[in-house]
Amino acid sequence: MDVEILAVLIGKLVKAGHPVLICMGNGSSAKRACDDLQAAADLLLPIFQEHVLLDRTLTYTDLDGLVKTIKHNGFWFHLDVGVSDMDQIHRKG
């Protein structure tokens, strides 16, 4: 994955006000490809901070009609770990 291109695309999405889900892979049964989660986080976290997606305050009304406020990030990282590569994760750590 080209994290610089990812950062540009994510920047456009968050600028438009969209929450973001980033799906990355750490090994697979076919190609054993590993995305660089740390590099992506290093580039994306400043973008998320700039667009107030870290610890943003959300107000909502629950099913009982009570207004509640929570702090929540406006982005999610999903790391898909290839089961066949679990021994590699142990060795890398």
C-alpha atoms as a PDB file:
ATOM      1  CA  MET A   1       0.000   0.000   0.000  1.00  0.00           C
ATOM      2  CA  ASP A   2       1.237   3.474  -0.848  1.00  0.00           C
ATOM      3  CA  VAL A   3       0.589   5.369   2.387  1.00  0.00           C
ATOM      4  CA  GLU A   4       1.194   8.774   0.776  1.00  0.00           C
ATOM      5  CA  ILE A   5      -1.653   8.158  -1.679  1.00  0.00           C
ATOM      6  CA  LEU A   6      -3.771   6.818   1.183  1.00  0.00           C
ATOM      7  CA  ALA A   7      -3.153  10.042   3.125  1.00  0.00           C
ATOM      8  CA  VAL A   8      -4.307  12.169   0.165  1.00  0.00           C
ATOM      9  CA  LEU A   9      -7.491  10.121  -0.262  1.00  0.00           C
ATOM     10  CA  ILE A  10      -8.255  10.110   3.460  1.00  0.00           C
ATOM     11  CA  GLY A  11      -7.613  13.863   3.609  1.00  0.00           C
ATOM     12  CA  LYS A  12     -10.268  14.436   0.931  1.00  0.00           C
ATOM     13  CA  LEU A  13     -12.790  12.235   2.742  1.00  0.00           C
ATOM     14  CA  VAL A  14     -12.358  13.852   6.157  1.00  0.00           C
ATOM     15  CA  LYS A  15     -12.367  17.339   4.635  1.00  0.00           C
ATOM     16  CA  ALA A  16     -15.818  16.469   3.262  1.00  0.00           C
ATOM     17  CA  GLY A  17     -16.894  15.446   6.782  1.00  0.00           C
ATOM     18  CA  HIS A  18     -16.963  11.686   6.296  1.00  0.00           C
ATOM     19  CA  PRO A  19     -15.924   9.225   9.014  1.00  0.00           C
ATOM     20  CA  VAL A  20     -13.211   6.861   7.817  1.00  0.00           C
ATOM     21  CA  LEU A  21     -12.600   3.122   8.079  1.00  0.00           C
ATOM     22  CA  ILE A  22      -9.094   2.059   7.044  1.00  0.00           C
ATOM     23  CA  CYS A  23      -8.721  -1.662   6.328  1.00  0.00           C
ATOM     24  CA  MET A  24      -5.187  -2.987   6.291  1.00  0.00           C
ATOM     25  CA  GLY A  25      -3.696  -6.438   6.051  1.00  0.00           C
ATOM     26  CA  ASN A  26      -0.944  -8.199   7.915  1.00  0.00           C
ATOM     27  CA  GLY A  27      -0.249 -11.310   5.938  1.00  0.00           C
ATOM     28  CA  SER A  28      -2.534 -13.482   3.895  1.00  0.00           C
ATOM     29  CA  SER A  29      -2.601 -17.093   2.874  1.00  0.00           C
ATOM     30  CA  ALA A  30      -1.803 -16.203  -0.735  1.00  0.00           C
ATOM     31  CA  LYS A  31       0.759 -13.381  -0.912  1.00  0.00           C
ATOM     32  CA  ARG A  32       1.793 -12.769   2.709  1.00  0.00           C
ATOM     33  CA  ALA A  33       1.610  -9.023   2.035  1.00  0.00           C
ATOM     34  CA  CYS A  34       1.882  -6.742   5.060  1.00  0.00           C
ATOM     35  CA  ASP A  35       0.662  -3.143   5.105  1.00  0.00           C
ATOM     36  CA  ASP A  36       2.692  -0.713   7.179  1.00  0.00           C
ATOM     37  CA  LEU A  37       0.247   0.235   9.929  1.00  0.00           C
ATOM     38  CA  GLN A  38       2.761   2.467  11.721  1.00  0.00           C
ATOM     39  CA  ALA A  39       3.558   4.475   8.571  1.00  0.00           C
ATOM     40  CA  ALA A  40      -0.159   4.906   7.871  1.00  0.00           C
ATOM     41  CA  ALA A  41      -0.848   6.023  11.444  1.00  0.00           C
ATOM     42  CA  ASP A  42       2.081   8.468  11.364  1.00  0.00           C
ATOM     43  CA  LEU A  43       0.685  10.123   8.222  1.00  0.00           C
ATOM     44  CA  LEU A  44      -3.010   9.944   9.064  1.00  0.00           C
ATOM     45  CA  LEU A  45      -3.144  10.966  12.735  1.00  0.00           C
ATOM     46  CA  PRO A  46      -2.152  14.596  11.990  1.00  0.00           C
ATOM     47  CA  ILE A  47      -4.923  14.704   9.352  1.00  0.00           C
ATOM     48  CA  PHE A  48      -7.417  13.355  11.885  1.00  0.00           C
ATOM     49  CA  GLN A  49      -6.257  15.933  14.448  1.00  0.00           C
ATOM     50  CA  GLU A  50      -6.571  18.771  11.931  1.00  0.00           C
ATOM     51  CA  HIS A  51     -10.163  17.797  11.127  1.00  0.00           C
ATOM     52  CA  VAL A  52     -11.134  17.166  14.780  1.00  0.00           C
ATOM     53  CA  LEU A  53     -11.624  13.417  14.413  1.00  0.00           C
ATOM     54  CA  LEU A  54      -9.695  12.590  17.593  1.00  0.00           C
ATOM     55  CA  ASP A  55     -11.839  12.625  20.739  1.00  0.00           C
ATOM     56  CA  ARG A  56     -14.675  14.475  19.051  1.00  0.00           C
ATOM     57  CA  THR A  57     -17.760  15.115  21.153  1.00  0.00           C
ATOM     58  CA  LEU A  58     -20.997  13.577  19.901  1.00  0.00           C
ATOM     59  CA  THR A  59     -24.447  14.338  21.263  1.00  0.00           C
ATOM     60  CA  TYR A  60     -27.307  11.937  20.603  1.00  0.00           C
ATOM     61  CA  THR A  61     -30.712  10.964  21.928  1.00  0.00           C
ATOM     62  CA  ASP A  62     -30.985   7.380  23.166  1.00  0.00           C
ATOM     63  CA  LEU A  63     -34.024   5.112  22.806  1.00  0.00           C
ATOM     64  CA  ASP A  64     -35.460   6.416  26.099  1.00  0.00           C
ATOM     65  CA  GLY A  65     -35.342  10.008  24.845  1.00  0.00           C
ATOM     66  CA  LEU A  66     -32.375  10.985  27.021  1.00  0.00           C
ATOM     67  CA  VAL A  67     -29.809  13.296  25.465  1.00  0.00           C
ATOM     68  CA  LYS A  68     -26.313  11.942  25.967  1.00  0.00           C
ATOM     69  CA  THR A  69     -22.829  13.135  25.104  1.00  0.00           C
ATOM     70  CA  ILE A  70     -19.862  10.876  24.412  1.00  0.00           C
ATOM     71  CA  LYS A  71     -16.314  11.261  23.138  1.00  0.00           C
ATOM     72  CA  HIS A  72     -15.541   9.145  20.105  1.00  0.00           C
ATOM     73  CA  ASN A  73     -13.014   9.056  17.286  1.00  0.00           C
ATOM     74  CA  GLY A  74     -14.250   9.644  13.740  1.00  0.00           C
ATOM     75  CA  PHE A  75     -11.998   6.986  12.255  1.00  0.00           C
ATOM     76  CA  TRP A  76     -11.316   3.289  12.640  1.00  0.00           C
ATOM     77  CA  PHE A  77      -8.371   1.073  11.738  1.00  0.00           C
ATOM     78  CA  HIS A  78      -9.133  -2.550  10.917  1.00  0.00           C
ATOM     79  CA  LEU A  79      -6.148  -4.873  10.733  1.00  0.00           C
ATOM     80  CA  ASP A  80      -6.854  -8.191   9.046  1.00  0.00           C
ATOM     81  CA  VAL A  81      -4.335 -10.695  10.333  1.00  0.00           C
ATOM     82  CA  GLY A  82      -3.666 -13.751   8.190  1.00  0.00           C
ATOM     83  CA  VAL A  83      -3.967 -16.784  10.455  1.00  0.00           C
ATOM     84  CA  SER A  84      -1.212 -18.594   8.605  1.00  0.00           C
ATOM     85  CA  ASP A  85       1.180 -15.774   9.538  1.00  0.00           C
ATOM     86  CA  MET A  86       0.675 -15.724  13.308  1.00  0.00           C
ATOM     87  CA  ASP A  87       4.147 -17.174  13.841  1.00  0.00           C
ATOM     88  CA  GLN A  88       5.572 -14.281  11.795  1.00  0.00           C
ATOM     89  CA  ILE A  89       3.876 -11.725  14.046  1.00  0.00           C
ATOM     90  CA  HIS A  90       5.491 -13.320  17.070  1.00  0.00           C
ATOM     91  CA  ARG A  91       8.905 -13.187  15.382  1.00  0.00           C
ATOM     92  CA  LYS A  92       8.465  -9.558  14.281  1.00  0.00           C
ATOM     93  CA  GLY A  93       7.341  -8.386  17.731  1.00  0.00           C
END
